Amino acid sequence: MAGLKTISILFLVVLVVLAGGSPVFAQPYMTLAPAEACPGARISVVAVFAGTSPGSPVFTSDPTGLDFDPFEEEQPFCHPDGDHRLNCDLLLKSASCDHYTITLTAEVNHDGARESVNAEIDVAGSCCAVGGCVQPVNTFALLSPWIVDVALVGCVGTVVVVAKKRHA
């Protein structure tokens, strides 16, 4: 039985090592955080390419009209993080209230080969209200205090019932 446990642990270790390896054969992808924003928001972009050392990024949007600028603090707005990953920071300047697909095209090797990756973002631009921006309701965030209250009452009730059964 101990041999089976050892083999399964070694198998899991190998899977973790392979999963954390270089994404040479992976499909390129891009993520945006947040995926919903108002003008003036900072957007963090992470792009993973199948090629090597991505550089010289170009951002476009569909539909056109999404106006974003790279912002710089103490580092360049796009910097490679490993061989295949590119981290970028953008400032959403202006846009109309719409659903956009942002495309990042970058050179992936020294031969001039380029790859493109896409991600989607919802912009609440012209539909801003007085004193803020209209955002969709996050139901879980609204209900989370009540969920916690119900869970605490359930835990206290369980402790009381268990304590009474032990004393009886």
C-alpha atoms as a PDB file:
ATOM      1  CA  MET A   1       0.000   0.000   0.000  1.00  0.00           C
ATOM      2  CA  ALA A   2       2.888   2.382   0.767  1.00  0.00           C
ATOM      3  CA  GLY A   3       4.271   1.793  -2.733  1.00  0.00           C
ATOM      4  CA  LEU A   4       0.991   2.909  -4.308  1.00  0.00           C
ATOM      5  CA  LYS A   5       1.005   6.111  -2.216  1.00  0.00           C
ATOM      6  CA  THR A   6       4.602   6.831  -3.200  1.00  0.00           C
ATOM      7  CA  ILE A   7       3.874   6.298  -6.891  1.00  0.00           C
ATOM      8  CA  SER A   8       0.812   8.561  -6.763  1.00  0.00           C
ATOM      9  CA  ILE A   9       2.756  11.326  -4.983  1.00  0.00           C
ATOM     10  CA  LEU A  10       5.580  11.086  -7.533  1.00  0.00           C
ATOM     11  CA  PHE A  11       3.011  11.239 -10.346  1.00  0.00           C
ATOM     12  CA  LEU A  12       1.488  14.400  -8.858  1.00  0.00           C
ATOM     13  CA  VAL A  13       4.943  15.979  -8.441  1.00  0.00           C
ATOM     14  CA  VAL A  14       5.721  15.264 -12.105  1.00  0.00           C
ATOM     15  CA  LEU A  15       2.387  16.807 -13.154  1.00  0.00           C
ATOM     16  CA  VAL A  16       3.077  19.946 -11.112  1.00  0.00           C
ATOM     17  CA  VAL A  17       6.562  20.288 -12.604  1.00  0.00           C
ATOM     18  CA  LEU A  18       5.234  19.845 -16.142  1.00  0.00           C
ATOM     19  CA  ALA A  19       2.392  22.325 -15.536  1.00  0.00           C
ATOM     20  CA  GLY A  20       4.804  24.962 -14.270  1.00  0.00           C
ATOM     21  CA  GLY A  21       7.176  24.566 -17.189  1.00  0.00           C
ATOM     22  CA  SER A  22       7.656  26.806 -20.179  1.00  0.00           C
ATOM     23  CA  PRO A  23       4.550  27.158 -22.381  1.00  0.00           C
ATOM     24  CA  VAL A  24       6.372  26.400 -25.628  1.00  0.00           C
ATOM     25  CA  PHE A  25       3.487  24.496 -27.161  1.00  0.00           C
ATOM     26  CA  ALA A  26       0.709  26.456 -25.462  1.00  0.00           C
ATOM     27  CA  GLN A  27      -1.805  28.567 -27.313  1.00  0.00           C
ATOM     28  CA  PRO A  28      -1.153  32.286 -26.935  1.00  0.00           C
ATOM     29  CA  TYR A  29      -3.633  34.102 -24.702  1.00  0.00           C
ATOM     30  CA  MET A  30      -4.183  37.454 -23.007  1.00  0.00           C
ATOM     31  CA  THR A  31      -5.990  38.421 -19.801  1.00  0.00           C
ATOM     32  CA  LEU A  32      -7.185  41.858 -18.678  1.00  0.00           C
ATOM     33  CA  ALA A  33      -7.767  42.920 -15.097  1.00  0.00           C
ATOM     34  CA  PRO A  34     -10.342  44.302 -14.587  1.00  0.00           C
ATOM     35  CA  ALA A  35     -12.576  43.062 -17.406  1.00  0.00           C
ATOM     36  CA  GLU A  36     -15.068  45.876 -16.692  1.00  0.00           C
ATOM     37  CA  ALA A  37     -13.854  49.439 -16.239  1.00  0.00           C
ATOM     38  CA  CYS A  38     -14.695  53.102 -16.516  1.00  0.00           C
ATOM     39  CA  PRO A  39     -12.583  55.767 -18.205  1.00  0.00           C
ATOM     40  CA  GLY A  40      -9.661  56.661 -15.968  1.00  0.00           C
ATOM     41  CA  ALA A  41      -9.177  53.074 -14.786  1.00  0.00           C
ATOM     42  CA  ARG A  42      -5.847  51.293 -14.934  1.00  0.00           C
ATOM     43  CA  ILE A  43      -5.845  47.996 -16.785  1.00  0.00           C
ATOM     44  CA  SER A  44      -3.292  45.276 -16.168  1.00  0.00           C
ATOM     45  CA  VAL A  45      -2.553  43.117 -19.221  1.00  0.00           C
ATOM     46  CA  VAL A  46      -0.829  39.719 -19.162  1.00  0.00           C
ATOM     47  CA  ALA A  47      -0.097  38.132 -22.540  1.00  0.00           C
ATOM     48  CA  VAL A  48       1.490  34.732 -23.104  1.00  0.00           C
ATOM     49  CA  PHE A  49       2.895  33.926 -26.533  1.00  0.00           C
ATOM     50  CA  ALA A  50       4.054  30.676 -28.083  1.00  0.00           C
ATOM     51  CA  GLY A  51       7.117  32.380 -29.617  1.00  0.00           C
ATOM     52  CA  THR A  52      10.120  33.682 -27.735  1.00  0.00           C
ATOM     53  CA  SER A  53      10.779  37.066 -26.124  1.00  0.00           C
ATOM     54  CA  PRO A  54       7.765  39.115 -27.178  1.00  0.00           C
ATOM     55  CA  GLY A  55       8.453  42.769 -27.799  1.00  0.00           C
ATOM     56  CA  SER A  56       7.193  45.925 -29.552  1.00  0.00           C
ATOM     57  CA  PRO A  57       3.499  45.546 -28.617  1.00  0.00           C
ATOM     58  CA  VAL A  58       0.708  47.277 -30.559  1.00  0.00           C
ATOM     59  CA  PHE A  59      -2.770  47.564 -29.017  1.00  0.00           C
ATOM     60  CA  THR A  60      -5.925  47.899 -31.133  1.00  0.00           C
ATOM     61  CA  SER A  61      -9.626  47.575 -30.317  1.00  0.00           C
ATOM     62  CA  ASP A  62     -12.758  46.357 -32.057  1.00  0.00           C
ATOM     63  CA  PRO A  63     -14.911  48.372 -32.356  1.00  0.00           C
ATOM     64  CA  THR A  64     -12.482  51.231 -32.787  1.00  0.00           C
ATOM     65  CA  GLY A  65     -12.637  54.244 -30.516  1.00  0.00           C
ATOM     66  CA  LEU A  66     -11.216  52.737 -27.354  1.00  0.00           C
ATOM     67  CA  ASP A  67      -8.586  55.257 -26.266  1.00  0.00           C
ATOM     68  CA  PHE A  68      -5.958  53.897 -23.923  1.00  0.00           C
ATOM     69  CA  ASP A  69      -2.433  55.007 -23.140  1.00  0.00           C
ATOM     70  CA  PRO A  70       0.427  53.208 -21.537  1.00  0.00           C
ATOM     71  CA  PHE A  71       1.335  54.770 -18.236  1.00  0.00           C
ATOM     72  CA  GLU A  72       4.801  54.736 -16.796  1.00  0.00           C
ATOM     73  CA  GLU A  73       5.800  54.914 -13.192  1.00  0.00           C
ATOM     74  CA  GLU A  74       9.304  53.608 -12.629  1.00  0.00           C
ATOM     75  CA  GLN A  75       9.217  50.845 -15.198  1.00  0.00           C
ATOM     76  CA  PRO A  76       8.320  50.579 -18.861  1.00  0.00           C
ATOM     77  CA  PHE A  77       4.606  50.041 -19.469  1.00  0.00           C
ATOM     78  CA  CYS A  78       5.320  46.633 -21.028  1.00  0.00           C
ATOM     79  CA  HIS A  79       8.009  44.368 -19.686  1.00  0.00           C
ATOM     80  CA  PRO A  80       8.765  40.722 -20.384  1.00  0.00           C
ATOM     81  CA  ASP A  81       8.284  38.327 -17.512  1.00  0.00           C
ATOM     82  CA  GLY A  82      10.064  35.162 -18.553  1.00  0.00           C
ATOM     83  CA  ASP A  83      10.563  33.970 -22.121  1.00  0.00           C
ATOM     84  CA  HIS A  84       6.947  33.932 -23.290  1.00  0.00           C
ATOM     85  CA  ARG A  85       5.061  36.351 -21.035  1.00  0.00           C
ATOM     86  CA  LEU A  86       4.509  40.085 -21.457  1.00  0.00           C
ATOM     87  CA  ASN A  87       3.064  42.259 -18.652  1.00  0.00           C
ATOM     88  CA  CYS A  88       1.617  45.647 -19.624  1.00  0.00           C
ATOM     89  CA  ASP A  89      -0.146  48.452 -17.784  1.00  0.00           C
ATOM     90  CA  LEU A  90      -2.625  50.662 -19.630  1.00  0.00           C
ATOM     91  CA  LEU A  91      -4.744  53.648 -18.659  1.00  0.00           C
ATOM     92  CA  LEU A  92      -8.249  53.636 -20.125  1.00  0.00           C
ATOM     93  CA  LYS A  93      -8.694  57.240 -21.257  1.00  0.00           C
ATOM     94  CA  SER A  94     -12.016  57.405 -23.055  1.00  0.00           C
ATOM     95  CA  ALA A  95     -14.493  55.230 -24.874  1.00  0.00           C
ATOM     96  CA  SER A  96     -18.160  54.901 -25.547  1.00  0.00           C
ATOM     97  CA  CYS A  97     -20.178  52.519 -23.410  1.00  0.00           C
ATOM     98  CA  ASP A  98     -19.633  49.254 -25.272  1.00  0.00           C
ATOM     99  CA  HIS A  99     -18.125  45.771 -25.263  1.00  0.00           C
ATOM    100  CA  TYR A 100     -14.637  45.853 -26.790  1.00  0.00           C
ATOM    101  CA  THR A 101     -12.180  43.237 -27.955  1.00  0.00           C
ATOM    102  CA  ILE A 102      -8.608  44.393 -27.367  1.00  0.00           C
ATOM    103  CA  THR A 103      -5.966  42.864 -29.623  1.00  0.00           C
ATOM    104  CA  LEU A 104      -2.293  42.877 -28.719  1.00  0.00           C
ATOM    105  CA  THR A 105       0.088  42.195 -31.573  1.00  0.00           C
ATOM    106  CA  ALA A 106       3.739  41.670 -30.698  1.00  0.00           C
ATOM    107  CA  GLU A 107       6.921  40.568 -32.378  1.00  0.00           C
ATOM    108  CA  VAL A 108       7.780  37.119 -31.056  1.00  0.00           C
ATOM    109  CA  ASN A 109      11.222  36.494 -32.501  1.00  0.00           C
ATOM    110  CA  HIS A 110      14.087  38.265 -34.213  1.00  0.00           C
ATOM    111  CA  ASP A 111      12.887  37.267 -37.701  1.00  0.00           C
ATOM    112  CA  GLY A 112       9.980  39.728 -37.491  1.00  0.00           C
ATOM    113  CA  ALA A 113       7.319  37.051 -36.920  1.00  0.00           C
ATOM    114  CA  ARG A 114       4.312  38.492 -35.085  1.00  0.00           C
ATOM    115  CA  GLU A 115       1.537  36.939 -33.012  1.00  0.00           C
ATOM    116  CA  SER A 116      -1.773  38.403 -31.924  1.00  0.00           C
ATOM    117  CA  VAL A 117      -3.788  37.700 -28.798  1.00  0.00           C
ATOM    118  CA  ASN A 118      -7.265  38.935 -27.850  1.00  0.00           C
ATOM    119  CA  ALA A 119      -9.133  39.740 -24.657  1.00  0.00           C
ATOM    120  CA  GLU A 120     -12.494  41.368 -24.019  1.00  0.00           C
ATOM    121  CA  ILE A 121     -13.431  44.329 -21.830  1.00  0.00           C
ATOM    122  CA  ASP A 122     -16.716  46.072 -21.037  1.00  0.00           C
ATOM    123  CA  VAL A 123     -16.443  49.845 -20.788  1.00  0.00           C
ATOM    124  CA  ALA A 124     -18.975  52.029 -19.026  1.00  0.00           C
ATOM    125  CA  GLY A 125     -18.010  55.236 -20.794  1.00  0.00           C
ATOM    126  CA  SER A 126     -20.770  57.639 -21.745  1.00  0.00           C
ATOM    127  CA  CYS A 127     -23.222  56.031 -19.333  1.00  0.00           C
ATOM    128  CA  CYS A 128     -21.588  57.464 -16.225  1.00  0.00           C
ATOM    129  CA  ALA A 129     -23.901  58.732 -13.495  1.00  0.00           C
ATOM    130  CA  VAL A 130     -23.415  61.748 -11.272  1.00  0.00           C
ATOM    131  CA  GLY A 131     -20.672  61.070  -8.782  1.00  0.00           C
ATOM    132  CA  GLY A 132     -19.492  57.805 -10.261  1.00  0.00           C
ATOM    133  CA  CYS A 133     -19.791  55.162 -12.873  1.00  0.00           C
ATOM    134  CA  VAL A 134     -22.601  52.735 -13.529  1.00  0.00           C
ATOM    135  CA  GLN A 135     -21.422  49.175 -12.925  1.00  0.00           C
ATOM    136  CA  PRO A 136     -23.294  45.877 -13.086  1.00  0.00           C
ATOM    137  CA  VAL A 137     -24.435  44.505  -9.751  1.00  0.00           C
ATOM    138  CA  ASN A 138     -22.274  41.845  -8.140  1.00  0.00           C
ATOM    139  CA  THR A 139     -24.912  39.693  -6.450  1.00  0.00           C
ATOM    140  CA  PHE A 140     -22.429  37.672  -4.410  1.00  0.00           C
ATOM    141  CA  ALA A 141     -20.828  40.851  -3.015  1.00  0.00           C
ATOM    142  CA  LEU A 142     -24.258  42.143  -1.991  1.00  0.00           C
ATOM    143  CA  LEU A 143     -25.272  38.895  -0.316  1.00  0.00           C
ATOM    144  CA  SER A 144     -21.915  37.967   1.258  1.00  0.00           C
ATOM    145  CA  PRO A 145     -22.588  39.668   4.669  1.00  0.00           C
ATOM    146  CA  TRP A 146     -25.867  37.748   4.954  1.00  0.00           C
ATOM    147  CA  ILE A 147     -24.218  34.502   3.896  1.00  0.00           C
ATOM    148  CA  VAL A 148     -21.603  34.970   6.620  1.00  0.00           C
ATOM    149  CA  ASP A 149     -24.314  35.703   9.208  1.00  0.00           C
ATOM    150  CA  VAL A 150     -26.248  32.544   8.291  1.00  0.00           C
ATOM    151  CA  ALA A 151     -23.028  30.493   8.395  1.00  0.00           C
ATOM    152  CA  LEU A 152     -22.107  31.846  11.843  1.00  0.00           C
ATOM    153  CA  VAL A 153     -25.583  31.107  13.230  1.00  0.00           C
ATOM    154  CA  GLY A 154     -25.335  27.588  11.776  1.00  0.00           C
ATOM    155  CA  CYS A 155     -21.908  27.035  13.353  1.00  0.00           C
ATOM    156  CA  VAL A 156     -23.015  28.301  16.770  1.00  0.00           C
ATOM    157  CA  GLY A 157     -26.152  26.144  16.562  1.00  0.00           C
ATOM    158  CA  THR A 158     -24.087  23.092  15.665  1.00  0.00           C
ATOM    159  CA  VAL A 159     -21.706  23.709  18.594  1.00  0.00           C
ATOM    160  CA  VAL A 160     -24.650  24.075  21.011  1.00  0.00           C
ATOM    161  CA  VAL A 161     -26.339  20.850  19.807  1.00  0.00           C
ATOM    162  CA  VAL A 162     -23.074  18.871  19.962  1.00  0.00           C
ATOM    163  CA  ALA A 163     -22.301  20.224  23.435  1.00  0.00           C
ATOM    164  CA  LYS A 164     -25.779  19.272  24.727  1.00  0.00           C
ATOM    165  CA  LYS A 165     -25.543  15.767  23.279  1.00  0.00           C
ATOM    166  CA  ARG A 166     -22.171  15.212  24.966  1.00  0.00           C
ATOM    167  CA  HIS A 167     -23.482  16.337  28.358  1.00  0.00           C
ATOM    168  CA  ALA A 168     -26.614  14.193  28.068  1.00  0.00           C
END
